[in-house]
Protein backbone atom coordinates (compact mmCIF):
# COMPACT_ATOMS: atom_id res chain seq x y z
CA MET A 1 48.53 2.40 26.79
CA HIS A 2 45.92 4.53 25.04
CA THR A 3 47.33 7.88 24.07
CA ALA A 4 45.18 11.01 24.45
CA ARG A 5 44.64 13.31 21.53
CA THR A 6 45.32 16.86 22.93
CA SER A 7 44.14 19.21 20.46
CA ARG A 8 40.43 20.36 20.87
CA THR A 9 40.34 21.24 17.20
CA VAL A 10 40.13 17.44 16.66
CA PRO A 11 36.49 16.42 16.75
CA VAL A 12 35.35 13.95 19.40
CA ARG A 13 35.66 10.38 18.07
CA VAL A 14 33.21 7.66 19.05
CA VAL A 15 33.03 3.96 18.32
CA VAL A 16 29.51 2.91 18.01
CA ALA A 17 29.18 -0.95 18.36
CA LYS A 18 26.61 -3.83 18.52
CA PRO A 19 28.17 -6.41 20.82
CA GLY A 20 27.01 -9.97 21.01
CA LEU A 21 24.44 -11.86 18.97
CA ASP A 22 21.82 -9.13 18.74
CA GLY A 23 21.05 -8.52 15.13
CA HIS A 24 18.81 -5.35 15.58
CA ASP A 25 20.87 -2.38 14.59
CA ARG A 26 18.46 0.33 13.51
CA GLY A 27 18.97 2.24 16.82
CA ALA A 28 22.66 2.12 16.63
CA LYS A 29 22.67 3.45 13.02
CA VAL A 30 20.32 6.24 14.01
CA ILE A 31 22.65 7.27 16.91
CA ALA A 32 25.69 6.94 14.72
CA ARG A 33 24.19 9.21 12.04
CA ALA A 34 23.05 11.74 14.65
CA LEU A 35 26.39 11.92 16.16
CA ARG A 36 28.02 12.32 12.79
CA ASP A 37 25.47 15.09 11.92
CA ALA A 38 26.44 16.84 15.21
CA GLY A 39 30.15 16.86 14.13
CA VAL A 40 31.34 13.74 16.02
CA GLU A 41 33.70 11.39 14.20
CA VAL A 42 31.95 7.99 14.19
CA VAL A 43 33.42 4.58 13.71
CA TYR A 44 30.58 2.17 13.30
CA THR A 45 31.69 -1.55 13.84
CA GLY A 46 28.61 -3.29 12.60
CA LEU A 47 26.87 -6.30 13.95
CA HIS A 48 28.03 -9.19 16.19
CA GLN A 49 31.23 -7.61 17.67
CA THR A 50 32.91 -9.11 20.65
CA PRO A 51 33.92 -6.85 23.48
CA ARG A 52 37.65 -7.40 22.58
CA GLN A 53 37.01 -6.38 18.92
CA ILE A 54 35.19 -3.22 20.25
CA VAL A 55 37.97 -2.28 22.69
CA ASP A 56 40.67 -3.05 20.14
CA THR A 57 38.93 -0.88 17.55
CA ALA A 58 38.53 1.98 20.13
CA VAL A 59 42.13 1.84 21.01
CA GLN A 60 43.40 1.58 17.48
CA GLU A 61 41.00 4.50 16.28
CA ASP A 62 42.20 6.59 19.33
CA ALA A 63 38.57 6.97 20.21
CA ASP A 64 37.23 9.31 23.02
CA GLY A 65 34.19 7.12 23.51
CA ILE A 66 32.56 3.86 23.05
CA GLY A 67 28.73 3.70 22.58
CA LEU A 68 27.25 0.24 23.00
CA SER A 69 23.80 -0.75 21.75
CA VAL A 70 22.41 -3.75 23.44
CA LEU A 71 19.02 -5.21 22.95
CA SER A 72 19.59 -8.83 23.66
CA GLY A 73 19.33 -8.79 27.50
CA ALA A 74 23.24 -9.48 27.73
CA HIS A 75 24.04 -5.93 28.82
CA MET A 76 25.43 -6.76 32.31
CA THR A 77 27.92 -9.16 30.83
CA LEU A 78 28.85 -7.18 27.71
CA PHE A 79 29.37 -3.91 29.38
CA ALA A 80 31.43 -5.50 32.12
CA GLN A 81 33.76 -7.21 29.66
CA VAL A 82 34.26 -3.92 27.80
CA MET A 83 35.08 -2.24 31.11
CA GLU A 84 37.51 -4.95 32.02
CA LEU A 85 39.19 -4.89 28.58
CA LEU A 86 39.65 -1.11 28.77
CA ARG A 87 41.40 -1.46 32.15
CA GLU A 88 43.59 -4.35 30.74
CA GLN A 89 44.55 -2.04 27.91
CA GLU A 90 45.12 1.05 30.24
CA ALA A 91 42.54 2.82 28.20
CA THR A 92 40.15 3.95 30.90
CA ASP A 93 40.12 7.37 29.61
CA ILE A 94 37.74 6.10 26.78
CA VAL A 95 34.32 6.99 27.97
CA VAL A 96 31.84 4.21 27.71
CA PHE A 97 28.00 4.98 27.28
CA GLY A 98 25.25 2.90 25.91
CA GLY A 99 21.55 2.35 25.21
CA GLY A 100 19.04 -0.22 24.41
CA ILE A 101 16.63 -2.33 26.31
CA ILE A 102 18.08 -2.07 29.86
CA PRO A 103 15.75 -2.71 32.79
CA GLU A 104 15.75 0.14 35.40
CA ALA A 105 17.09 -2.39 38.01
CA ASP A 106 20.29 -2.74 35.98
CA ILE A 107 21.11 0.91 35.34
CA VAL A 108 22.75 1.70 38.81
CA PRO A 109 24.84 -1.47 38.85
CA LEU A 110 25.99 -0.52 35.24
CA LEU A 111 26.94 2.87 36.34
CA GLY A 112 28.77 1.43 39.26
CA LEU A 113 30.98 -0.66 36.72
CA GLY A 114 31.96 2.70 35.30
CA VAL A 115 29.58 3.08 32.43
CA ALA A 116 29.20 6.81 32.18
CA ALA A 117 25.50 7.03 30.90
CA LEU A 118 22.68 4.93 29.65
CA PHE A 119 19.99 5.94 27.15
CA THR A 120 16.82 4.01 27.05
CA PRO A 121 14.21 3.72 24.32
CA GLY A 122 12.52 7.12 23.53
CA THR A 123 15.48 9.20 24.34
CA PRO A 124 15.59 12.11 21.85
CA THR A 125 18.75 11.72 19.66
CA ARG A 126 19.48 15.43 20.43
CA ASP A 127 19.96 14.30 24.16
CA VAL A 128 22.50 11.82 23.25
CA THR A 129 24.45 14.20 21.00
CA ASP A 130 24.36 16.95 23.61
CA TRP A 131 25.57 14.50 26.21
CA VAL A 132 28.26 13.29 24.08
CA HIS A 133 29.59 16.78 23.25
CA ALA A 134 29.51 17.58 27.07
CA HIS A 135 31.01 14.47 28.45
CA VAL A 136 33.14 12.64 25.88
CA GLY A 137 36.45 13.95 24.88
CA ARG A 138 39.76 15.15 26.34
CA HIS A 139 38.37 18.49 27.76
CA CYS A 140 36.01 16.41 30.11
CA ALA A 141 38.32 13.50 30.92
CA GLU A 142 39.29 14.79 34.30
CA GLN A 143 35.60 15.37 35.22
CA LEU A 144 34.84 11.67 34.40
CA ARG A 145 37.95 10.39 36.16
CA ASP A 146 36.63 11.88 39.42
CA PRO A 147 33.94 9.66 40.95
CA ALA A 148 30.41 11.18 41.20
CA PRO A 149 29.52 12.19 44.75
CA ALA A 150 28.03 9.39 46.84
CA GLY A 151 24.29 8.87 46.05
CA THR A 152 24.39 10.47 42.55
CA ALA A 153 24.17 8.67 39.13
CA ARG A 154 25.67 9.85 35.91
CA ALA A 155 22.77 8.61 33.68
CA PRO A 156 20.99 11.31 31.84
CA HIS A 157 17.73 9.73 30.88
CA PRO A 158 15.69 8.11 32.47
CA SER A 159 17.18 6.48 35.33
CA PRO A 160 15.94 5.69 38.70
CA PRO A 161 17.69 7.33 41.69
CA PRO A 162 20.24 5.11 43.59
CA PRO A 163 18.68 2.95 46.27
CA THR A 164 18.21 4.69 49.53
CA PRO A 165 20.07 2.93 52.32
CA ARG A 166 17.75 1.73 55.15
């Protein structure tokens, strides 16, 4: 079971990872550096990580969050595997967010898997760092455990509204 760090004097700790075979890591490195510069402890796993390696690293590092960068088109599979492994490890208090080339049609299903937020190309790094400070860490764990009200998404930029029932 994942153990929560309780002191808020401890900075937020985030694992930034590049899952799968995607070899383009510039965006992940930009986000990792922006988070670090904003006072977040960052563990960058490097390229070609499996979902199990990412989750194991997050648990071992007592991370508050996992930020996935996916440009390969395998986002549905990779995010789903990370979410499932977190459940298996009883580490669902680790907040998962991500970015990359994610079609608008896939954003709502990913949020439905439990991904807390998705950042698409063009998102200012300040938006990401502000979101991490506001939503990742023990002080907001309760807020994230409570499901969002029906019909709302927790994606900060840009995401389509949930489909309207007909």
